[in-house]
Amino acid sequence: MSKAEHNVVEESQPAFYVWAAKRLVRDPGTMVGLIILTLLILAAVFAPQLAPNDPYRLDPPNRLSSPGEVPQYPLGTDEGGRCILSRLLYGGRLSLRAGLISTAIGVSLGTTIGVLGGFYNSLDNILLRIVDIMMAIPGILLALAIVSILGPGLTNVMIAVGIRITPAFARVTRSQVISLKEQTYVESARAAGARDLRIIWRHILVNFASVLIVFSTLYMASALMSVSVLSFLGFGVRAPAAEWGMMASSGRNYFLEAPHVIAVPSLAIMAAILSLNLVGDGLRDILDPRLRQ
């Protein structure tokens, strides 16, 4: 790359960041999603400082108290008299982390399968058939089957959800690799003697990283929902651990008597999924090269 071309690249990068920041600020949906997601993350990180009570302390005389009924429990208590607000804050740590790790597993496995299938024609047919089989099974049923084999527990739930979303990333990665490996700069790198691993890492992966970022954000919402559903069904953490899906599950038996016990964690799950979808949509628009023309 010549010195003039290098200067052009350096000048174009700040211009893109300025353009992206302006577009982000002007998009109310993305800003709302970003604010909600930031608040949820901060609440989870600073849960020990923000929680008004011990999330595991039982208070039987005040069990199933409504929000505001007892001053020391702003969002009420659950069936054991535990502070719902405190458990909600601590539960965000487990739920958000589980969604993030599940997505990371899906991205890692899916990207690896997609790169191998798209770059090496000899492996494409075999890997594609495996992905097709996985996609033929409804996602939640596939996750249930995997966690039934591995056994209950949050770690196994994260693995199951990660495997569930793997086919989506494998499909997207494969199509991108097939398109990019025919580009002139890839052919030039191959003619210059570059190894396959270097070509994949330096010339292919970096050119669809934006697609993976957008997909990861959107599918993290799906992963979070799947983790919550599996915890709700009893495959995730065990009581008295605080996790949003498990909290909603423990309150289902008291829905008519104390609907807030199931409503509060359900609203937290909804807020997290909504914010991730809004942020993902905004990133998709910002990273779409056609919008920068």
Protein backbone atom coordinates (compact mmCIF):
# COMPACT_ATOMS: atom_id res chain seq x y z
CA MET A 1 0.00 0.00 0.00
CA SER A 2 1.39 3.39 -1.03
CA LYS A 3 1.73 6.30 1.39
CA ALA A 4 -1.10 8.18 -0.31
CA GLU A 5 -3.44 5.18 -0.04
CA HIS A 6 -2.47 4.74 3.61
CA ASN A 7 -3.38 8.36 4.35
CA VAL A 8 -6.74 7.92 2.60
CA VAL A 9 -7.52 4.87 4.78
CA GLU A 10 -6.58 6.76 7.96
CA GLU A 11 -8.80 9.69 6.96
CA SER A 12 -11.76 7.45 6.04
CA GLN A 13 -11.81 5.59 9.36
CA PRO A 14 -12.58 8.63 11.58
CA ALA A 15 -15.13 9.76 9.02
CA PHE A 16 -16.94 6.44 9.37
CA TYR A 17 -16.91 6.59 13.16
CA VAL A 18 -18.33 10.13 13.09
CA TRP A 19 -21.00 9.06 10.60
CA ALA A 20 -21.89 5.98 12.66
CA ALA A 21 -22.12 8.00 15.89
CA LYS A 22 -24.38 10.59 14.26
CA ARG A 23 -26.63 7.91 12.81
CA LEU A 24 -26.76 6.13 16.17
CA VAL A 25 -27.84 9.29 17.96
CA ARG A 26 -30.48 10.04 15.34
CA ASP A 27 -32.05 6.57 15.61
CA PRO A 28 -34.42 6.66 18.61
CA GLY A 29 -35.02 2.90 18.59
CA THR A 30 -31.32 2.08 18.78
CA MET A 31 -30.75 4.68 21.48
CA VAL A 32 -33.61 3.30 23.58
CA GLY A 33 -32.24 -0.22 23.20
CA LEU A 34 -28.72 0.91 24.04
CA ILE A 35 -29.88 2.77 27.15
CA ILE A 36 -31.95 -0.19 28.40
CA LEU A 37 -29.13 -2.66 27.73
CA THR A 38 -26.58 -0.40 29.44
CA LEU A 39 -28.81 -0.05 32.51
CA LEU A 40 -29.31 -3.82 32.71
CA ILE A 41 -25.58 -4.47 32.45
CA LEU A 42 -24.73 -1.83 35.05
CA ALA A 43 -27.42 -3.18 37.38
CA ALA A 44 -25.95 -6.68 37.09
CA VAL A 45 -22.35 -5.51 37.55
CA PHE A 46 -23.15 -3.38 40.61
CA ALA A 47 -25.74 -5.74 42.07
CA PRO A 48 -23.96 -6.03 45.47
CA GLN A 49 -24.02 -2.24 45.85
CA LEU A 50 -27.57 -1.73 44.51
CA ALA A 51 -29.38 -4.65 46.11
CA PRO A 52 -31.34 -3.43 49.17
CA ASN A 53 -31.35 -6.87 50.81
CA ASP A 54 -29.65 -10.24 50.79
CA PRO A 55 -31.19 -12.03 47.79
CA TYR A 56 -31.19 -15.36 49.64
CA ARG A 57 -32.46 -14.23 53.06
CA LEU A 58 -35.85 -15.76 53.90
CA ASP A 59 -38.57 -13.69 55.55
CA PRO A 60 -41.61 -16.01 55.92
CA PRO A 61 -43.87 -13.45 57.67
CA ASN A 62 -43.61 -11.20 54.59
CA ARG A 63 -43.88 -13.89 51.90
CA LEU A 64 -45.69 -12.92 48.68
CA SER A 65 -45.95 -9.27 49.74
CA SER A 66 -46.95 -6.95 46.92
CA PRO A 67 -44.67 -4.21 45.54
CA GLY A 68 -44.63 -1.28 47.97
CA GLU A 69 -46.52 -3.18 50.66
CA VAL A 70 -43.40 -3.55 52.81
CA PRO A 71 -41.01 -0.55 52.54
CA GLN A 72 -37.86 -2.66 52.70
CA TYR A 73 -39.02 -4.73 49.70
CA PRO A 74 -39.70 -2.24 46.84
CA LEU A 75 -40.78 -4.94 44.35
CA GLY A 76 -42.30 -7.29 46.90
CA THR A 77 -41.20 -10.75 47.95
CA ASP A 78 -41.43 -14.24 46.54
CA GLU A 79 -42.87 -17.41 48.05
CA GLY A 80 -40.03 -17.58 50.56
CA GLY A 81 -40.15 -13.93 51.56
CA ARG A 82 -36.97 -13.12 49.63
CA CYS A 83 -36.54 -9.64 48.15
CA ILE A 84 -37.50 -9.77 44.46
CA LEU A 85 -35.55 -6.61 43.57
CA SER A 86 -32.35 -8.01 45.06
CA ARG A 87 -32.85 -11.33 43.34
CA LEU A 88 -33.60 -9.53 40.07
CA LEU A 89 -30.31 -7.63 40.23
CA TYR A 90 -28.28 -10.73 41.06
CA GLY A 91 -30.26 -12.79 38.55
CA GLY A 92 -29.18 -10.43 35.78
CA ARG A 93 -25.61 -11.60 36.35
CA LEU A 94 -26.49 -15.20 35.58
CA SER A 95 -28.99 -14.55 32.79
CA LEU A 96 -26.94 -12.02 30.82
CA ARG A 97 -23.75 -14.00 31.25
CA ALA A 98 -25.49 -17.19 30.12
CA GLY A 99 -26.83 -15.46 27.02
CA LEU A 100 -23.39 -14.06 26.20
CA ILE A 101 -21.55 -17.35 26.70
CA SER A 102 -24.18 -19.30 24.73
CA THR A 103 -23.83 -16.86 21.85
CA ALA A 104 -20.03 -17.11 22.00
CA ILE A 105 -20.28 -20.90 21.76
CA GLY A 106 -22.63 -20.63 18.78
CA VAL A 107 -20.44 -18.07 17.03
CA SER A 108 -17.27 -20.13 17.57
CA LEU A 109 -18.75 -23.43 16.39
CA GLY A 110 -20.80 -21.92 13.57
CA THR A 111 -17.96 -19.79 12.22
CA THR A 112 -15.56 -22.73 12.28
CA ILE A 113 -18.00 -25.00 10.44
CA GLY A 114 -18.90 -22.28 7.95
CA VAL A 115 -15.29 -21.39 7.20
CA LEU A 116 -14.25 -25.01 6.70
CA GLY A 117 -17.26 -25.78 4.53
CA GLY A 118 -17.03 -22.61 2.45
CA PHE A 119 -13.26 -22.65 1.96
CA TYR A 120 -12.70 -26.38 1.39
CA ASN A 121 -15.01 -27.91 -1.19
CA SER A 122 -14.15 -31.43 -0.02
CA LEU A 123 -15.67 -30.74 3.42
CA ASP A 124 -18.59 -28.63 2.26
CA ASN A 125 -21.07 -31.39 1.47
CA ILE A 126 -20.49 -33.28 4.73
CA LEU A 127 -20.67 -30.22 6.97
CA LEU A 128 -23.66 -28.83 5.11
CA ARG A 129 -25.61 -32.05 5.64
CA ILE A 130 -24.85 -31.94 9.37
CA VAL A 131 -26.09 -28.34 9.53
CA ASP A 132 -29.22 -29.29 7.56
CA ILE A 133 -30.00 -32.07 10.04
CA MET A 134 -29.61 -29.68 12.96
CA MET A 135 -31.83 -27.09 11.28
CA ALA A 136 -34.50 -29.69 10.60
CA ILE A 137 -35.06 -30.06 14.34
CA PRO A 138 -36.97 -27.22 16.05
CA GLY A 139 -34.49 -25.15 18.04
CA ILE A 140 -35.99 -25.54 21.49
CA LEU A 141 -36.44 -29.29 20.98
CA LEU A 142 -32.80 -29.61 19.93
CA ALA A 143 -31.71 -27.70 23.05
CA LEU A 144 -33.97 -29.85 25.23
CA ALA A 145 -32.53 -33.04 23.74
CA ILE A 146 -28.96 -31.88 24.31
CA VAL A 147 -29.52 -30.73 27.88
CA SER A 148 -31.39 -33.97 28.62
CA ILE A 149 -28.30 -35.90 27.53
CA LEU A 150 -25.82 -33.66 29.35
CA GLY A 151 -27.98 -33.24 32.44
CA PRO A 152 -29.43 -30.18 34.18
CA GLY A 153 -27.29 -27.23 35.14
CA LEU A 154 -26.56 -23.76 33.79
CA THR A 155 -23.31 -24.82 32.12
CA ASN A 156 -25.04 -27.58 30.18
CA VAL A 157 -27.88 -25.22 29.29
CA MET A 158 -25.37 -22.76 27.82
CA ILE A 159 -23.75 -25.52 25.79
CA ALA A 160 -27.13 -26.73 24.52
CA VAL A 161 -28.26 -23.24 23.54
CA GLY A 162 -24.90 -22.55 21.88
CA ILE A 163 -25.26 -25.69 19.77
CA ARG A 164 -28.85 -24.70 18.96
CA ILE A 165 -27.82 -21.42 17.34
CA THR A 166 -24.72 -22.88 15.65
CA PRO A 167 -26.44 -23.72 12.31
CA ALA A 168 -27.48 -20.09 11.75
CA PHE A 169 -23.91 -18.85 12.07
CA ALA A 170 -22.59 -21.75 10.00
CA ARG A 171 -24.94 -20.91 7.13
CA VAL A 172 -24.13 -17.19 7.17
CA THR A 173 -20.38 -17.78 7.44
CA ARG A 174 -20.37 -20.34 4.63
CA SER A 175 -22.16 -18.02 2.22
CA GLN A 176 -19.80 -15.16 3.05
CA VAL A 177 -16.69 -17.32 2.65
CA ILE A 178 -17.84 -18.70 -0.71
CA SER A 179 -18.37 -15.16 -1.94
CA LEU A 180 -15.16 -13.69 -0.55
CA LYS A 181 -12.75 -16.47 -1.54
CA GLU A 182 -13.36 -15.64 -5.21
CA GLN A 183 -12.32 -12.02 -4.77
CA THR A 184 -9.20 -10.74 -6.52
CA TYR A 185 -7.30 -9.91 -3.33
CA VAL A 186 -7.75 -13.48 -2.08
CA GLU A 187 -6.48 -14.88 -5.38
CA SER A 188 -3.52 -12.48 -5.17
CA ALA A 189 -2.71 -13.62 -1.64
CA ARG A 190 -2.90 -17.25 -2.72
CA ALA A 191 -0.62 -16.56 -5.72
CA ALA A 192 1.85 -14.84 -3.39
CA GLY A 193 2.13 -18.06 -1.41
CA ALA A 194 0.03 -17.17 1.61
CA ARG A 195 -1.12 -20.15 3.64
CA ASP A 196 -4.79 -21.02 3.97
CA LEU A 197 -4.92 -20.02 7.62
CA ARG A 198 -3.48 -16.58 6.86
CA ILE A 199 -5.89 -16.07 3.96
CA ILE A 200 -8.85 -17.05 6.12
CA TRP A 201 -7.80 -14.86 9.03
CA ARG A 202 -6.41 -11.78 7.27
CA HIS A 203 -8.45 -11.64 4.07
CA ILE A 204 -11.80 -13.37 4.68
CA LEU A 205 -12.85 -13.22 8.34
CA VAL A 206 -12.05 -9.53 8.71
CA ASN A 207 -14.24 -8.70 5.72
CA PHE A 208 -17.45 -10.07 7.19
CA ALA A 209 -16.75 -9.36 10.85
CA SER A 210 -19.50 -6.73 10.77
CA VAL A 211 -22.01 -9.39 9.70
CA LEU A 212 -20.98 -11.59 12.63
CA ILE A 213 -21.30 -8.68 15.04
CA VAL A 214 -24.85 -7.93 13.92
CA PHE A 215 -25.86 -11.60 13.95
CA SER A 216 -24.28 -12.11 17.36
CA THR A 217 -26.27 -9.23 18.84
CA LEU A 218 -29.54 -10.46 17.38
CA TYR A 219 -28.97 -14.10 18.29
CA MET A 220 -27.90 -13.20 21.81
CA ALA A 221 -31.52 -12.19 22.34
CA SER A 222 -32.59 -15.62 21.08
CA ALA A 223 -29.98 -17.32 23.28
CA LEU A 224 -31.13 -15.39 26.34
CA MET A 225 -34.71 -16.40 25.66
CA SER A 226 -33.74 -20.06 25.23
CA VAL A 227 -31.72 -20.06 28.45
CA SER A 228 -34.67 -18.53 30.31
CA VAL A 229 -37.09 -21.08 28.85
CA LEU A 230 -34.88 -24.01 29.80
CA SER A 231 -34.43 -22.60 33.31
CA PHE A 232 -38.19 -22.09 33.52
CA LEU A 233 -38.65 -25.78 32.65
CA GLY A 234 -36.25 -26.80 35.41
CA PHE A 235 -33.12 -27.61 33.40
CA GLY A 236 -31.06 -24.59 34.49
CA VAL A 237 -29.94 -23.43 37.91
CA ARG A 238 -31.47 -24.85 41.04
CA ALA A 239 -33.25 -22.92 43.77
CA PRO A 240 -32.45 -20.78 45.63
CA ALA A 241 -30.05 -19.44 42.98
CA ALA A 242 -31.26 -16.18 41.44
CA GLU A 243 -31.82 -16.40 37.67
CA TRP A 244 -34.62 -14.74 35.75
CA GLY A 245 -36.04 -17.88 34.15
CA MET A 246 -35.94 -19.81 37.40
CA MET A 247 -37.52 -16.88 39.28
CA ALA A 248 -40.43 -16.85 36.82
CA SER A 249 -40.77 -20.60 37.17
CA SER A 250 -40.94 -20.47 40.96
CA GLY A 251 -43.70 -17.86 40.78
CA ARG A 252 -45.99 -19.69 38.38
CA ASN A 253 -47.71 -21.53 41.23
CA TYR A 254 -48.69 -18.20 42.79
CA PHE A 255 -49.77 -16.39 39.63
CA LEU A 256 -53.30 -15.64 40.84
CA GLU A 257 -52.30 -14.90 44.42
CA ALA A 258 -49.18 -12.83 43.69
CA PRO A 259 -48.75 -12.18 39.95
CA HIS A 260 -45.78 -9.88 40.53
CA VAL A 261 -43.59 -12.86 41.45
CA ILE A 262 -43.67 -14.10 37.85
CA ALA A 263 -44.31 -10.73 36.17
CA VAL A 264 -41.19 -8.91 37.41
CA PRO A 265 -38.55 -11.38 36.10
CA SER A 266 -40.59 -11.87 32.91
CA LEU A 267 -40.49 -8.11 32.30
CA ALA A 268 -36.73 -8.15 32.86
CA ILE A 269 -36.33 -10.89 30.25
CA MET A 270 -38.55 -8.96 27.85
CA ALA A 271 -36.56 -5.76 28.38
CA ALA A 272 -33.24 -7.52 27.74
CA ILE A 273 -34.50 -9.21 24.56
CA LEU A 274 -36.11 -6.00 23.28
CA SER A 275 -32.94 -3.97 23.89
CA LEU A 276 -30.74 -6.53 22.14
CA ASN A 277 -33.05 -6.61 19.12
CA LEU A 278 -33.13 -2.80 18.92
CA VAL A 279 -29.35 -2.55 19.19
CA GLY A 280 -28.90 -5.34 16.64
CA ASP A 281 -31.20 -3.61 14.16
CA GLY A 282 -29.31 -0.37 14.64
CA LEU A 283 -25.94 -2.03 14.13
CA ARG A 284 -27.24 -3.72 11.00
CA ASP A 285 -28.22 -0.37 9.54
CA ILE A 286 -24.95 1.30 10.56
CA LEU A 287 -22.72 -1.47 9.24
CA ASP A 288 -24.62 -1.83 5.95
CA PRO A 289 -22.21 -0.38 3.34
CA ARG A 290 -25.07 0.59 1.05
CA LEU A 291 -26.23 3.20 3.57
CA ARG A 292 -22.83 4.92 3.52
CA GLN A 293 -22.85 5.56 -0.20
